[in-house]
N, C-alpha and C. Protein backbone atom coordinates (compact mmCIF):
# COMPACT_ATOMS: atom_id res chain seq x y z
N MET A 1 138.37 117.81 44.41
CA MET A 1 137.87 116.55 44.93
C MET A 1 138.57 116.25 46.25
N LYS A 2 137.79 115.96 47.27
CA LYS A 2 138.36 115.67 48.58
C LYS A 2 138.82 114.22 48.64
N PRO A 3 140.07 113.98 49.13
CA PRO A 3 140.56 112.61 49.19
C PRO A 3 139.76 111.76 50.16
N THR A 4 139.57 110.52 49.79
CA THR A 4 138.87 109.56 50.64
C THR A 4 139.87 108.95 51.60
N GLN A 5 139.46 108.79 52.84
CA GLN A 5 140.36 108.26 53.87
C GLN A 5 140.13 106.78 54.11
N LYS A 6 140.04 106.00 53.07
CA LYS A 6 139.91 104.55 53.23
C LYS A 6 141.24 103.98 53.69
N ARG A 7 141.16 102.88 54.39
CA ARG A 7 142.37 102.20 54.86
C ARG A 7 142.97 101.43 53.67
N VAL A 8 144.22 101.73 53.36
CA VAL A 8 144.94 101.08 52.26
C VAL A 8 146.13 100.34 52.85
N ILE A 9 146.30 99.09 52.44
CA ILE A 9 147.41 98.27 52.92
C ILE A 9 148.24 97.80 51.73
N LEU A 10 149.54 97.96 51.84
CA LEU A 10 150.47 97.41 50.87
C LEU A 10 150.97 96.08 51.43
N ALA A 11 150.73 95.00 50.70
CA ALA A 11 151.11 93.65 51.16
C ALA A 11 152.54 93.33 50.72
N SER A 12 153.47 94.23 51.06
CA SER A 12 154.86 94.10 50.61
C SER A 12 155.78 94.88 51.54
N MET A 13 156.98 94.36 51.73
CA MET A 13 158.00 95.07 52.51
C MET A 13 158.89 95.93 51.62
N SER A 14 158.62 95.97 50.33
CA SER A 14 159.49 96.70 49.40
C SER A 14 159.51 98.19 49.71
N PRO A 15 160.70 98.72 50.05
CA PRO A 15 160.78 100.17 50.29
C PRO A 15 160.47 100.97 49.03
N ARG A 16 160.78 100.42 47.86
CA ARG A 16 160.50 101.13 46.61
C ARG A 16 159.00 101.27 46.39
N ARG A 17 158.24 100.22 46.67
CA ARG A 17 156.79 100.31 46.49
C ARG A 17 156.18 101.30 47.48
N THR A 18 156.68 101.30 48.71
CA THR A 18 156.19 102.26 49.70
C THR A 18 156.47 103.69 49.23
N GLU A 19 157.67 103.93 48.72
CA GLU A 19 158.03 105.26 48.22
C GLU A 19 157.14 105.66 47.04
N LEU A 20 156.86 104.72 46.15
CA LEU A 20 156.03 105.03 44.99
C LEU A 20 154.60 105.37 45.40
N LEU A 21 154.04 104.62 46.35
CA LEU A 21 152.69 104.95 46.82
C LEU A 21 152.66 106.33 47.47
N ALA A 22 153.69 106.65 48.25
CA ALA A 22 153.76 107.97 48.87
C ALA A 22 153.86 109.05 47.79
N LYS A 23 154.66 108.81 46.76
CA LYS A 23 154.80 109.76 45.65
C LYS A 23 153.46 110.00 44.97
N ALA A 24 152.64 108.95 44.90
CA ALA A 24 151.33 109.06 44.25
C ALA A 24 150.26 109.64 45.17
N GLY A 25 150.63 109.97 46.41
CA GLY A 25 149.67 110.55 47.33
C GLY A 25 148.72 109.55 47.95
N ILE A 26 149.14 108.28 48.01
CA ILE A 26 148.30 107.22 48.59
C ILE A 26 148.82 106.91 49.99
N HIS A 27 148.10 107.39 51.00
CA HIS A 27 148.46 107.07 52.39
C HIS A 27 148.16 105.60 52.61
N HIS A 28 149.10 104.89 53.20
CA HIS A 28 148.93 103.44 53.37
C HIS A 28 149.74 102.93 54.56
N GLU A 29 149.43 101.71 54.93
CA GLU A 29 150.24 101.00 55.92
C GLU A 29 150.81 99.77 55.24
N VAL A 30 151.83 99.19 55.86
CA VAL A 30 152.49 98.02 55.30
C VAL A 30 152.23 96.81 56.18
N ILE A 31 151.68 95.77 55.57
CA ILE A 31 151.53 94.46 56.23
C ILE A 31 152.01 93.44 55.20
N PRO A 32 153.21 92.92 55.37
CA PRO A 32 153.73 91.98 54.37
C PRO A 32 152.96 90.66 54.37
N SER A 33 152.83 90.08 53.20
CA SER A 33 152.17 88.78 53.10
C SER A 33 153.15 87.68 53.48
N ASN A 34 152.62 86.51 53.73
CA ASN A 34 153.45 85.34 54.04
C ASN A 34 153.56 84.39 52.86
N VAL A 35 153.25 84.87 51.68
CA VAL A 35 153.28 84.04 50.48
C VAL A 35 154.73 83.74 50.10
N VAL A 36 155.00 82.49 49.83
CA VAL A 36 156.33 82.06 49.39
C VAL A 36 156.37 82.14 47.87
N GLU A 37 157.33 82.91 47.36
CA GLU A 37 157.45 83.08 45.91
C GLU A 37 158.17 81.88 45.32
N GLY A 38 157.75 81.50 44.13
CA GLY A 38 158.40 80.40 43.44
C GLY A 38 157.80 80.22 42.06
N VAL A 39 158.65 80.09 41.08
CA VAL A 39 158.20 79.95 39.70
C VAL A 39 157.73 78.52 39.46
N ASN A 40 156.52 78.40 38.93
CA ASN A 40 156.00 77.12 38.47
C ASN A 40 156.44 77.02 37.01
N GLY A 41 157.19 76.01 36.66
CA GLY A 41 157.78 75.90 35.33
C GLY A 41 156.81 75.98 34.18
N ARG A 42 155.53 75.74 34.43
CA ARG A 42 154.54 75.74 33.35
C ARG A 42 153.86 77.10 33.16
N GLU A 43 154.07 78.02 34.06
CA GLU A 43 153.39 79.31 33.98
C GLU A 43 154.13 80.29 33.08
N ALA A 44 153.37 81.03 32.30
CA ALA A 44 153.93 82.16 31.56
C ALA A 44 154.21 83.27 32.58
N ALA A 45 155.14 84.16 32.24
CA ALA A 45 155.55 85.21 33.18
C ALA A 45 154.38 86.09 33.61
N ASP A 46 153.49 86.46 32.68
CA ASP A 46 152.37 87.32 33.06
C ASP A 46 151.40 86.59 34.00
N GLU A 47 151.21 85.29 33.78
CA GLU A 47 150.36 84.50 34.68
C GLU A 47 151.01 84.40 36.06
N TYR A 48 152.32 84.22 36.08
CA TYR A 48 153.06 84.08 37.33
C TYR A 48 152.95 85.34 38.20
N VAL A 49 153.25 86.52 37.62
CA VAL A 49 153.19 87.74 38.43
C VAL A 49 151.75 88.06 38.84
N GLY A 50 150.79 87.75 37.99
CA GLY A 50 149.39 87.94 38.35
C GLY A 50 148.97 87.04 39.49
N ARG A 51 149.37 85.78 39.43
CA ARG A 51 149.03 84.83 40.49
C ARG A 51 149.65 85.25 41.82
N LEU A 52 150.95 85.59 41.79
CA LEU A 52 151.61 85.99 43.04
C LEU A 52 151.01 87.26 43.62
N ALA A 53 150.73 88.24 42.77
CA ALA A 53 150.11 89.48 43.25
C ALA A 53 148.78 89.18 43.92
N ARG A 54 147.97 88.34 43.30
CA ARG A 54 146.66 87.98 43.86
C ARG A 54 146.82 87.23 45.18
N GLU A 55 147.73 86.26 45.23
CA GLU A 55 147.95 85.49 46.46
C GLU A 55 148.41 86.38 47.60
N LYS A 56 149.31 87.33 47.31
CA LYS A 56 149.80 88.24 48.35
C LYS A 56 148.67 89.12 48.87
N ALA A 57 147.87 89.68 47.97
CA ALA A 57 146.76 90.53 48.39
C ALA A 57 145.73 89.73 49.19
N MET A 58 145.41 88.53 48.73
CA MET A 58 144.42 87.70 49.42
C MET A 58 144.90 87.30 50.81
N ASP A 59 146.19 87.00 50.94
CA ASP A 59 146.76 86.61 52.22
C ASP A 59 146.55 87.69 53.27
N VAL A 60 146.78 88.94 52.90
CA VAL A 60 146.63 90.05 53.84
C VAL A 60 145.16 90.45 53.99
N ALA A 61 144.39 90.38 52.90
CA ALA A 61 142.98 90.79 52.94
C ALA A 61 142.14 89.90 53.86
N ARG A 62 142.54 88.64 54.02
CA ARG A 62 141.78 87.72 54.88
C ARG A 62 141.55 88.28 56.28
N ASP A 63 142.57 88.95 56.82
CA ASP A 63 142.48 89.49 58.18
C ASP A 63 142.20 90.99 58.20
N ASN A 64 141.96 91.57 57.04
CA ASN A 64 141.72 93.01 56.94
C ASN A 64 140.62 93.29 55.93
N ARG A 65 139.45 92.74 56.20
CA ARG A 65 138.34 92.77 55.23
C ARG A 65 137.78 94.17 54.97
N ASP A 66 138.05 95.11 55.86
CA ASP A 66 137.55 96.48 55.69
C ASP A 66 138.49 97.33 54.83
N ALA A 67 139.67 96.81 54.52
CA ALA A 67 140.70 97.60 53.85
C ALA A 67 140.77 97.32 52.35
N VAL A 68 141.45 98.21 51.66
CA VAL A 68 141.82 98.01 50.26
C VAL A 68 143.27 97.53 50.28
N VAL A 69 143.50 96.31 49.83
CA VAL A 69 144.83 95.69 49.92
C VAL A 69 145.46 95.60 48.54
N ILE A 70 146.73 96.02 48.47
CA ILE A 70 147.49 95.98 47.22
C ILE A 70 148.56 94.91 47.34
N GLY A 71 148.51 93.93 46.44
CA GLY A 71 149.57 92.93 46.33
C GLY A 71 150.23 93.09 44.98
N SER A 72 151.53 92.87 44.92
CA SER A 72 152.20 92.99 43.62
C SER A 72 153.44 92.11 43.57
N ASP A 73 153.87 91.86 42.35
CA ASP A 73 155.10 91.12 42.12
C ASP A 73 155.69 91.58 40.80
N THR A 74 157.01 91.69 40.76
CA THR A 74 157.71 92.14 39.56
C THR A 74 158.78 91.12 39.18
N VAL A 75 158.86 90.83 37.89
CA VAL A 75 159.93 89.98 37.38
C VAL A 75 160.52 90.60 36.12
N VAL A 76 161.74 90.19 35.83
CA VAL A 76 162.40 90.53 34.58
C VAL A 76 162.32 89.28 33.70
N VAL A 77 162.00 89.47 32.43
CA VAL A 77 161.88 88.34 31.51
C VAL A 77 162.82 88.56 30.33
N LEU A 78 163.72 87.62 30.13
CA LEU A 78 164.67 87.68 29.03
C LEU A 78 164.55 86.40 28.21
N ASP A 79 164.20 86.55 26.95
CA ASP A 79 164.04 85.39 26.06
C ASP A 79 163.10 84.34 26.66
N GLY A 80 162.02 84.80 27.28
CA GLY A 80 161.03 83.89 27.85
C GLY A 80 161.40 83.32 29.20
N LYS A 81 162.58 83.63 29.72
CA LYS A 81 163.02 83.10 31.01
C LYS A 81 162.84 84.16 32.09
N ILE A 82 162.23 83.76 33.21
CA ILE A 82 161.98 84.67 34.32
C ILE A 82 163.24 84.82 35.16
N LEU A 83 163.64 86.08 35.39
CA LEU A 83 164.75 86.38 36.29
C LEU A 83 164.16 87.05 37.53
N GLU A 84 164.27 86.39 38.65
CA GLU A 84 163.78 86.96 39.90
C GLU A 84 164.93 87.66 40.61
N LYS A 85 164.89 87.72 41.94
CA LYS A 85 165.98 88.32 42.71
C LYS A 85 167.14 87.32 42.77
N PRO A 86 168.37 87.81 42.62
CA PRO A 86 169.51 86.89 42.69
C PRO A 86 169.74 86.43 44.13
N ASN A 87 170.22 85.21 44.27
CA ASN A 87 170.52 84.67 45.60
C ASN A 87 171.89 85.08 46.11
N ASP A 88 172.80 85.41 45.20
CA ASP A 88 174.17 85.75 45.60
C ASP A 88 174.86 86.53 44.49
N ARG A 89 176.11 86.88 44.73
CA ARG A 89 176.89 87.68 43.78
C ARG A 89 177.02 86.99 42.42
N GLU A 90 177.30 85.71 42.42
CA GLU A 90 177.50 85.01 41.15
C GLU A 90 176.22 84.96 40.32
N GLU A 91 175.10 84.76 41.00
CA GLU A 91 173.83 84.76 40.27
C GLU A 91 173.53 86.15 39.72
N ALA A 92 173.83 87.20 40.52
CA ALA A 92 173.65 88.57 40.04
C ALA A 92 174.55 88.84 38.84
N ARG A 93 175.80 88.38 38.90
CA ARG A 93 176.74 88.56 37.79
C ARG A 93 176.20 87.87 36.52
N ARG A 94 175.69 86.66 36.69
CA ARG A 94 175.16 85.92 35.55
C ARG A 94 173.96 86.65 34.93
N MET A 95 173.04 87.10 35.79
CA MET A 95 171.86 87.82 35.29
C MET A 95 172.26 89.08 34.53
N LEU A 96 173.12 89.88 35.14
CA LEU A 96 173.51 91.14 34.49
C LEU A 96 174.30 90.88 33.21
N GLY A 97 175.07 89.81 33.19
CA GLY A 97 175.77 89.42 31.97
C GLY A 97 174.80 89.06 30.86
N GLN A 98 173.72 88.39 31.21
CA GLN A 98 172.70 88.04 30.21
C GLN A 98 171.96 89.28 29.72
N LEU A 99 171.72 90.23 30.62
CA LEU A 99 170.98 91.44 30.25
C LEU A 99 171.84 92.43 29.47
N SER A 100 173.16 92.37 29.64
CA SER A 100 174.08 93.30 28.99
C SER A 100 173.91 93.25 27.47
N GLY A 101 173.64 94.42 26.88
CA GLY A 101 173.48 94.52 25.44
C GLY A 101 172.20 93.93 24.89
N ALA A 102 171.29 93.56 25.75
CA ALA A 102 170.06 92.88 25.32
C ALA A 102 168.82 93.69 25.71
N THR A 103 167.70 93.30 25.11
CA THR A 103 166.40 93.88 25.44
C THR A 103 165.61 92.85 26.23
N HIS A 104 164.99 93.33 27.31
CA HIS A 104 164.19 92.44 28.16
C HIS A 104 162.89 93.14 28.53
N ASP A 105 161.99 92.39 29.13
CA ASP A 105 160.72 92.94 29.59
C ASP A 105 160.67 92.89 31.11
N VAL A 106 160.06 93.91 31.69
CA VAL A 106 159.79 93.93 33.13
C VAL A 106 158.28 93.86 33.28
N LEU A 107 157.81 92.84 33.98
CA LEU A 107 156.37 92.64 34.19
C LEU A 107 156.05 92.81 35.67
N THR A 108 155.01 93.59 35.95
CA THR A 108 154.52 93.73 37.31
C THR A 108 153.05 93.37 37.33
N GLY A 109 152.71 92.43 38.20
CA GLY A 109 151.33 92.08 38.45
C GLY A 109 150.85 92.86 39.66
N VAL A 110 149.65 93.42 39.58
CA VAL A 110 149.07 94.17 40.69
C VAL A 110 147.66 93.63 40.94
N SER A 111 147.41 93.26 42.19
CA SER A 111 146.08 92.82 42.61
C SER A 111 145.60 93.77 43.69
N ILE A 112 144.39 94.26 43.52
CA ILE A 112 143.78 95.15 44.51
C ILE A 112 142.49 94.49 44.97
N ILE A 113 142.43 94.20 46.27
CA ILE A 113 141.26 93.56 46.85
C ILE A 113 140.66 94.50 47.88
N GLY A 114 139.42 94.89 47.63
CA GLY A 114 138.70 95.76 48.56
C GLY A 114 137.43 95.10 49.03
N PRO A 115 136.71 95.76 49.92
CA PRO A 115 135.47 95.18 50.44
C PRO A 115 134.42 94.92 49.37
N GLU A 116 134.39 95.74 48.32
CA GLU A 116 133.34 95.61 47.30
C GLU A 116 133.80 94.97 45.99
N ARG A 117 135.09 94.98 45.70
CA ARG A 117 135.54 94.49 44.40
C ARG A 117 136.99 94.05 44.45
N GLN A 118 137.38 93.32 43.39
CA GLN A 118 138.75 92.87 43.21
C GLN A 118 139.20 93.20 41.80
N ASP A 119 140.45 93.62 41.68
CA ASP A 119 141.02 93.93 40.36
C ASP A 119 142.39 93.29 40.25
N LEU A 120 142.75 92.92 39.03
CA LEU A 120 144.06 92.35 38.75
C LEU A 120 144.50 92.84 37.37
N PHE A 121 145.73 93.34 37.28
CA PHE A 121 146.28 93.71 35.98
C PHE A 121 147.78 93.48 35.97
N VAL A 122 148.31 93.33 34.78
CA VAL A 122 149.75 93.14 34.58
C VAL A 122 150.23 94.21 33.61
N THR A 123 151.32 94.87 33.95
CA THR A 123 151.90 95.90 33.11
C THR A 123 153.29 95.45 32.66
N ALA A 124 153.59 95.67 31.38
CA ALA A 124 154.89 95.30 30.82
C ALA A 124 155.62 96.54 30.32
N THR A 125 156.92 96.58 30.58
CA THR A 125 157.79 97.64 30.09
C THR A 125 159.00 96.98 29.43
N ARG A 126 159.39 97.48 28.28
CA ARG A 126 160.54 96.93 27.55
C ARG A 126 161.77 97.79 27.84
N VAL A 127 162.87 97.14 28.22
CA VAL A 127 164.10 97.83 28.60
C VAL A 127 165.27 97.26 27.79
N THR A 128 166.10 98.14 27.25
CA THR A 128 167.31 97.71 26.55
C THR A 128 168.52 98.22 27.31
N PHE A 129 169.47 97.31 27.55
CA PHE A 129 170.71 97.66 28.24
C PHE A 129 171.83 97.94 27.24
N ILE A 130 172.76 98.78 27.66
CA ILE A 130 174.02 98.94 26.94
C ILE A 130 174.86 97.68 27.18
N ASP A 131 175.96 97.56 26.47
CA ASP A 131 176.95 96.54 26.83
C ASP A 131 177.63 97.06 28.09
N ILE A 132 177.41 96.40 29.21
CA ILE A 132 177.90 96.89 30.50
C ILE A 132 179.42 96.69 30.58
N PRO A 133 180.19 97.79 30.76
CA PRO A 133 181.63 97.64 30.93
C PRO A 133 181.94 96.80 32.18
N GLU A 134 182.96 95.99 32.11
CA GLU A 134 183.33 95.10 33.21
C GLU A 134 183.59 95.86 34.50
N THR A 135 184.22 97.04 34.40
CA THR A 135 184.50 97.82 35.61
C THR A 135 183.20 98.30 36.27
N TRP A 136 182.21 98.66 35.45
CA TRP A 136 180.91 99.07 35.99
C TRP A 136 180.23 97.89 36.67
N LEU A 137 180.29 96.74 36.01
CA LEU A 137 179.65 95.54 36.55
C LEU A 137 180.23 95.18 37.90
N GLU A 138 181.56 95.17 38.02
CA GLU A 138 182.21 94.81 39.29
C GLU A 138 181.85 95.81 40.39
N ALA A 139 181.88 97.10 40.06
CA ALA A 139 181.52 98.12 41.05
C ALA A 139 180.08 97.97 41.49
N TYR A 140 179.21 97.66 40.55
CA TYR A 140 177.79 97.49 40.88
C TYR A 140 177.58 96.27 41.77
N LEU A 141 178.28 95.19 41.46
CA LEU A 141 178.18 93.98 42.28
C LEU A 141 178.72 94.20 43.68
N ASP A 142 179.67 95.14 43.84
CA ASP A 142 180.22 95.46 45.16
C ASP A 142 179.22 96.25 46.01
N SER A 143 178.28 96.91 45.36
CA SER A 143 177.24 97.64 46.10
C SER A 143 176.18 96.64 46.57
N GLN A 144 175.27 97.08 47.37
CA GLN A 144 174.17 96.21 47.83
C GLN A 144 172.96 96.28 46.92
N GLU A 145 173.02 97.14 45.92
CA GLU A 145 171.84 97.41 45.10
C GLU A 145 171.27 96.21 44.35
N PRO A 146 172.08 95.32 43.76
CA PRO A 146 171.49 94.28 42.91
C PRO A 146 170.78 93.14 43.64
N TYR A 147 170.94 93.02 44.92
CA TYR A 147 170.60 91.76 45.58
C TYR A 147 169.15 91.61 46.04
N ASP A 148 168.38 92.67 46.01
CA ASP A 148 166.97 92.54 46.42
C ASP A 148 166.02 92.98 45.31
N LYS A 149 166.50 92.85 44.07
CA LYS A 149 165.71 93.32 42.93
C LYS A 149 165.65 92.27 41.83
N ALA A 150 164.48 92.16 41.23
CA ALA A 150 164.32 91.25 40.09
C ALA A 150 165.30 91.64 38.99
N GLY A 151 165.98 90.64 38.43
CA GLY A 151 166.93 90.90 37.37
C GLY A 151 168.24 91.50 37.84
N ALA A 152 168.40 91.68 39.15
CA ALA A 152 169.64 92.16 39.78
C ALA A 152 169.98 93.61 39.47
N TYR A 153 168.95 94.44 39.17
CA TYR A 153 169.26 95.86 38.99
C TYR A 153 168.08 96.72 39.43
N GLY A 154 168.43 97.94 39.85
CA GLY A 154 167.43 98.94 40.19
C GLY A 154 167.57 100.12 39.25
N ILE A 155 166.55 100.35 38.44
CA ILE A 155 166.61 101.44 37.46
C ILE A 155 166.67 102.80 38.13
N GLN A 156 166.11 102.91 39.34
CA GLN A 156 166.07 104.18 40.05
C GLN A 156 167.39 104.49 40.74
N GLY A 157 168.32 103.54 40.76
CA GLY A 157 169.62 103.73 41.38
C GLY A 157 170.73 103.69 40.34
N SER A 158 171.88 103.21 40.76
CA SER A 158 173.03 103.14 39.85
C SER A 158 172.77 102.22 38.67
N GLY A 159 171.90 101.23 38.82
CA GLY A 159 171.55 100.33 37.73
C GLY A 159 170.92 101.05 36.55
N GLY A 160 170.40 102.24 36.78
CA GLY A 160 169.85 103.04 35.70
C GLY A 160 170.89 103.42 34.64
N LEU A 161 172.17 103.40 35.03
CA LEU A 161 173.24 103.69 34.07
C LEU A 161 173.33 102.65 32.97
N PHE A 162 172.80 101.46 33.22
CA PHE A 162 172.87 100.39 32.22
C PHE A 162 171.79 100.52 31.14
N VAL A 163 170.81 101.37 31.39
CA VAL A 163 169.65 101.46 30.49
C VAL A 163 169.95 102.36 29.29
N GLU A 164 169.82 101.79 28.11
CA GLU A 164 169.98 102.55 26.87
C GLU A 164 168.63 103.10 26.41
N ARG A 165 167.58 102.28 26.56
CA ARG A 165 166.25 102.67 26.07
C ARG A 165 165.18 102.02 26.94
N LEU A 166 164.07 102.74 27.09
CA LEU A 166 162.94 102.23 27.86
C LEU A 166 161.67 102.52 27.08
N GLU A 167 160.82 101.52 26.93
CA GLU A 167 159.54 101.69 26.24
C GLU A 167 158.43 101.27 27.19
N GLY A 168 157.68 102.25 27.68
CA GLY A 168 156.60 101.95 28.60
C GLY A 168 156.74 102.72 29.90
N ASP A 169 156.18 102.16 30.94
CA ASP A 169 156.05 102.81 32.24
C ASP A 169 157.33 102.66 33.07
N TYR A 170 158.02 103.77 33.30
CA TYR A 170 159.24 103.77 34.12
C TYR A 170 158.96 103.21 35.52
N TYR A 171 157.87 103.68 36.14
CA TYR A 171 157.58 103.27 37.51
C TYR A 171 157.28 101.77 37.61
N ASN A 172 156.83 101.17 36.53
CA ASN A 172 156.63 99.73 36.50
C ASN A 172 157.95 99.01 36.75
N VAL A 173 159.03 99.53 36.17
CA VAL A 173 160.35 98.92 36.34
C VAL A 173 160.83 99.10 37.78
N VAL A 174 160.46 100.21 38.41
CA VAL A 174 160.81 100.44 39.81
C VAL A 174 160.04 99.48 40.72
N GLY A 175 158.79 99.14 40.36
CA GLY A 175 158.05 98.17 41.17
C GLY A 175 156.55 98.33 41.21
N LEU A 176 156.01 99.46 40.76
CA LEU A 176 154.56 99.65 40.70
C LEU A 176 154.21 100.58 39.55
N PRO A 177 153.36 100.16 38.63
CA PRO A 177 152.92 101.06 37.55
C PRO A 177 151.92 102.07 38.12
N LEU A 178 152.38 103.28 38.39
CA LEU A 178 151.58 104.23 39.17
C LEU A 178 150.28 104.65 38.52
N GLN A 179 150.30 105.04 37.25
CA GLN A 179 149.08 105.55 36.64
C GLN A 179 147.94 104.52 36.64
N PRO A 180 148.16 103.29 36.15
CA PRO A 180 147.06 102.33 36.22
C PRO A 180 146.69 101.95 37.65
N LEU A 181 147.66 101.97 38.55
CA LEU A 181 147.37 101.66 39.95
C LEU A 181 146.44 102.70 40.56
N VAL A 182 146.77 103.98 40.37
CA VAL A 182 145.95 105.05 40.96
C VAL A 182 144.56 105.06 40.34
N ARG A 183 144.47 104.85 39.03
CA ARG A 183 143.15 104.80 38.38
C ARG A 183 142.31 103.65 38.94
N THR A 184 142.94 102.51 39.17
CA THR A 184 142.20 101.36 39.70
C THR A 184 141.81 101.60 41.15
N LEU A 185 142.70 102.22 41.93
CA LEU A 185 142.36 102.54 43.32
C LEU A 185 141.17 103.48 43.40
N GLU A 186 141.05 104.40 42.45
CA GLU A 186 139.90 105.31 42.44
C GLU A 186 138.59 104.52 42.33
N GLY A 187 138.62 103.41 41.60
CA GLY A 187 137.44 102.54 41.51
C GLY A 187 137.09 101.88 42.84
N HIS A 188 138.05 101.86 43.76
CA HIS A 188 137.83 101.33 45.11
C HIS A 188 137.52 102.45 46.10
N GLY A 189 137.37 103.67 45.59
CA GLY A 189 137.05 104.80 46.46
C GLY A 189 138.26 105.43 47.12
N VAL A 190 139.45 105.14 46.62
CA VAL A 190 140.68 105.72 47.18
C VAL A 190 141.17 106.80 46.21
N THR A 191 141.28 108.02 46.71
CA THR A 191 141.71 109.14 45.90
C THR A 191 143.06 109.63 46.39
N PRO A 192 144.00 109.91 45.49
CA PRO A 192 145.30 110.44 45.92
C PRO A 192 145.12 111.74 46.69
N ARG A 193 145.96 111.97 47.66
CA ARG A 193 145.85 113.17 48.49
C ARG A 193 146.22 114.45 47.77
N PHE A 194 146.89 114.35 46.63
CA PHE A 194 147.26 115.58 45.93
C PHE A 194 146.12 116.12 45.08
N LEU A 195 145.04 115.34 44.88
CA LEU A 195 143.91 115.81 44.08
C LEU A 195 142.91 116.57 44.93
C-alpha cells in the first residue's frame, strides 16, 4: 500500500508526541494550539482530556482546513483526582509521593479533525508504582524530567524505574496511544510510511 501524502499537523509542542508520530511513520508538522489548559472541577477525567484534545485540534484546524489535525491531552488520575504537570519541585515531590506504592490511571484524549470527518477517543492505561526509595526520589527531582509531564514522571525515561506493573498501552503513558491513533488516521486517508 502506497502511503498517502496528506498534510498532518500535531497541535502540540510535546517532543514525546512528535517522536511517537515519527516512530509510527506519520510525517507531520507541528503547530501548537493556543488553548489554555485548566481542570473544570465538575468534569470527569475522561471528559476533561477529550474536551482539551478537541479544543486543541479545533484551534489549529480553523486556519488549516485542508489538513488532518491531531490534538491530544494526557493526565494521570489517582483516586479520582487529576494530576497534571507539576508547577515546581514541591508539587512534583507531592505527586510522586502520592503515586509511590499506588496504582493510577493514565488517560489520553485524542481528537483528529480532517476535511471530511472528526474523531475523538480516550485511552486509559493502568500503572502501578513501587514504593519509591527516598534517594531515587531526590535524584529524580534533581533532574529536569518530572517538570513537563503529567503526574511528574516520564515512563520512557528514568521515571520508568518506578513502574512495577503496566496494564494497557505503553505509548499511551508516553503521550499518544499509537495503535488506535494510526487506525483512526487511516480513516482520514493517512497511511504510515512504513506500510
